[in-house]
Amino acid sequence: MGNRTLSEVYLLSERRKDPRELRTMLVIEERRKVMYDSTISLYSHRYRVPPGYINCRIWVKIVGDKVIFSLRDPVRRGDE
């Protein structure tokens, strides 16, 4: 470093990501089967979903502190 201060030596990272890109990188997405009591289990927590999804496989997306449920494919029951 010599006679330079830390602020003079510091270089901005070229790996800095756009906030929108960073949010998509930090999303956790998993598929779960809706049980007969209209719930799913995700990381030791139970979540209620609409009863129309019973016995279907749905996608669960964790974005920050939000849990989002979606059905991407046509409704399929069980392991069809």
C-alpha atoms as a PDB file:
ATOM      1  CA  MET A   1       0.000   0.000   0.000  1.00  0.00           C
ATOM      2  CA  GLY A   2       2.851   2.375   0.618  1.00  0.00           C
ATOM      3  CA  ASN A   3       1.693   5.865   1.561  1.00  0.00           C
ATOM      4  CA  ARG A   4      -1.814   5.497   0.083  1.00  0.00           C
ATOM      5  CA  THR A   5      -4.946   5.347   2.226  1.00  0.00           C
ATOM      6  CA  LEU A   6      -7.381   2.441   2.073  1.00  0.00           C
ATOM      7  CA  SER A   7      -9.884   4.531   0.095  1.00  0.00           C
ATOM      8  CA  GLU A   8      -7.212   5.224  -2.518  1.00  0.00           C
ATOM      9  CA  VAL A   9      -6.361   1.541  -2.825  1.00  0.00           C
ATOM     10  CA  TYR A  10      -9.957   0.280  -2.900  1.00  0.00           C
ATOM     11  CA  LEU A  11     -11.239  -0.761  -6.328  1.00  0.00           C
ATOM     12  CA  LEU A  12     -14.886  -1.266  -7.215  1.00  0.00           C
ATOM     13  CA  SER A  13     -15.723  -4.859  -7.952  1.00  0.00           C
ATOM     14  CA  GLU A  14     -16.374  -5.665 -11.601  1.00  0.00           C
ATOM     15  CA  ARG A  15     -18.658  -8.443 -10.381  1.00  0.00           C
ATOM     16  CA  ARG A  16     -21.268  -6.018  -9.055  1.00  0.00           C
ATOM     17  CA  LYS A  17     -24.750  -7.185 -10.074  1.00  0.00           C
ATOM     18  CA  ASP A  18     -27.817  -5.201 -11.013  1.00  0.00           C
ATOM     19  CA  PRO A  19     -30.378  -5.372  -8.137  1.00  0.00           C
ATOM     20  CA  ARG A  20     -32.954  -7.080 -10.400  1.00  0.00           C
ATOM     21  CA  GLU A  21     -30.410  -9.694 -11.471  1.00  0.00           C
ATOM     22  CA  LEU A  22     -29.377 -10.219  -7.860  1.00  0.00           C
ATOM     23  CA  ARG A  23     -33.003 -10.815  -6.769  1.00  0.00           C
ATOM     24  CA  THR A  24     -33.450 -13.524  -9.408  1.00  0.00           C
ATOM     25  CA  MET A  25     -30.191 -15.160  -8.349  1.00  0.00           C
ATOM     26  CA  LEU A  26     -31.373 -15.359  -4.730  1.00  0.00           C
ATOM     27  CA  VAL A  27     -34.722 -17.035  -5.477  1.00  0.00           C
ATOM     28  CA  ILE A  28     -35.232 -20.595  -4.236  1.00  0.00           C
ATOM     29  CA  GLU A  29     -37.667 -22.619  -6.321  1.00  0.00           C
ATOM     30  CA  GLU A  30     -38.862 -26.133  -5.537  1.00  0.00           C
ATOM     31  CA  ARG A  31     -41.675 -28.448  -6.502  1.00  0.00           C
ATOM     32  CA  ARG A  32     -44.012 -29.847  -3.838  1.00  0.00           C
ATOM     33  CA  LYS A  33     -47.033 -32.135  -3.740  1.00  0.00           C
ATOM     34  CA  VAL A  34     -50.161 -30.735  -2.086  1.00  0.00           C
ATOM     35  CA  MET A  35     -51.347 -33.128   0.613  1.00  0.00           C
ATOM     36  CA  TYR A  36     -54.954 -34.126   1.323  1.00  0.00           C
ATOM     37  CA  ASP A  37     -55.231 -31.520   4.087  1.00  0.00           C
ATOM     38  CA  SER A  38     -54.474 -28.814   1.450  1.00  0.00           C
ATOM     39  CA  THR A  39     -50.951 -28.110   2.762  1.00  0.00           C
ATOM     40  CA  ILE A  40     -47.378 -28.476   1.614  1.00  0.00           C
ATOM     41  CA  SER A  41     -44.238 -28.941   3.655  1.00  0.00           C
ATOM     42  CA  LEU A  42     -41.240 -26.735   2.937  1.00  0.00           C
ATOM     43  CA  TYR A  43     -38.126 -26.686   5.115  1.00  0.00           C
ATOM     44  CA  SER A  44     -39.980 -28.005   8.179  1.00  0.00           C
ATOM     45  CA  HIS A  45     -42.839 -25.508   7.796  1.00  0.00           C
ATOM     46  CA  ARG A  46     -46.392 -26.256   6.657  1.00  0.00           C
ATOM     47  CA  TYR A  47     -48.181 -23.882   4.304  1.00  0.00           C
ATOM     48  CA  ARG A  48     -51.853 -23.883   3.297  1.00  0.00           C
ATOM     49  CA  VAL A  49     -52.717 -23.754  -0.390  1.00  0.00           C
ATOM     50  CA  PRO A  50     -56.119 -23.542  -2.108  1.00  0.00           C
ATOM     51  CA  PRO A  51     -58.053 -26.826  -1.813  1.00  0.00           C
ATOM     52  CA  GLY A  52     -58.319 -27.082  -5.609  1.00  0.00           C
ATOM     53  CA  TYR A  53     -54.651 -28.131  -5.676  1.00  0.00           C
ATOM     54  CA  ILE A  54     -55.033 -31.192  -3.446  1.00  0.00           C
ATOM     55  CA  ASN A  55     -52.911 -34.073  -4.764  1.00  0.00           C
ATOM     56  CA  CYS A  56     -51.290 -31.807  -7.434  1.00  0.00           C
ATOM     57  CA  ARG A  57     -47.636 -30.906  -7.753  1.00  0.00           C
ATOM     58  CA  ILE A  58     -47.040 -27.167  -7.551  1.00  0.00           C
ATOM     59  CA  TRP A  59     -44.003 -24.901  -7.736  1.00  0.00           C
ATOM     60  CA  VAL A  60     -43.038 -23.022  -4.588  1.00  0.00           C
ATOM     61  CA  LYS A  61     -40.839 -19.966  -4.912  1.00  0.00           C
ATOM     62  CA  ILE A  62     -39.129 -18.250  -1.986  1.00  0.00           C
ATOM     63  CA  VAL A  63     -38.298 -14.617  -2.736  1.00  0.00           C
ATOM     64  CA  GLY A  64     -36.878 -12.844   0.297  1.00  0.00           C
ATOM     65  CA  ASP A  65     -39.415 -13.415   3.074  1.00  0.00           C
ATOM     66  CA  LYS A  66     -42.300 -14.256   0.697  1.00  0.00           C
ATOM     67  CA  VAL A  67     -43.513 -17.714  -0.328  1.00  0.00           C
ATOM     68  CA  ILE A  68     -45.261 -17.835  -3.711  1.00  0.00           C
ATOM     69  CA  PHE A  69     -47.186 -20.820  -5.078  1.00  0.00           C
ATOM     70  CA  SER A  70     -47.734 -21.424  -8.771  1.00  0.00           C
ATOM     71  CA  LEU A  71     -48.933 -24.131 -11.087  1.00  0.00           C
ATOM     72  CA  ARG A  72     -46.910 -23.899 -14.303  1.00  0.00           C
ATOM     73  CA  ASP A  73     -48.087 -27.017 -16.046  1.00  0.00           C
ATOM     74  CA  PRO A  74     -51.654 -28.057 -16.783  1.00  0.00           C
ATOM     75  CA  VAL A  75     -53.282 -29.521 -13.689  1.00  0.00           C
ATOM     76  CA  ARG A  76     -51.947 -33.013 -13.163  1.00  0.00           C
ATOM     77  CA  ARG A  77     -53.023 -35.154 -10.267  1.00  0.00           C
ATOM     78  CA  GLY A  78     -50.411 -37.049  -8.263  1.00  0.00           C
ATOM     79  CA  ASP A  79     -47.565 -38.729 -10.163  1.00  0.00           C
ATOM     80  CA  GLU A  80     -49.161 -38.808 -13.611  1.00  0.00           C
END
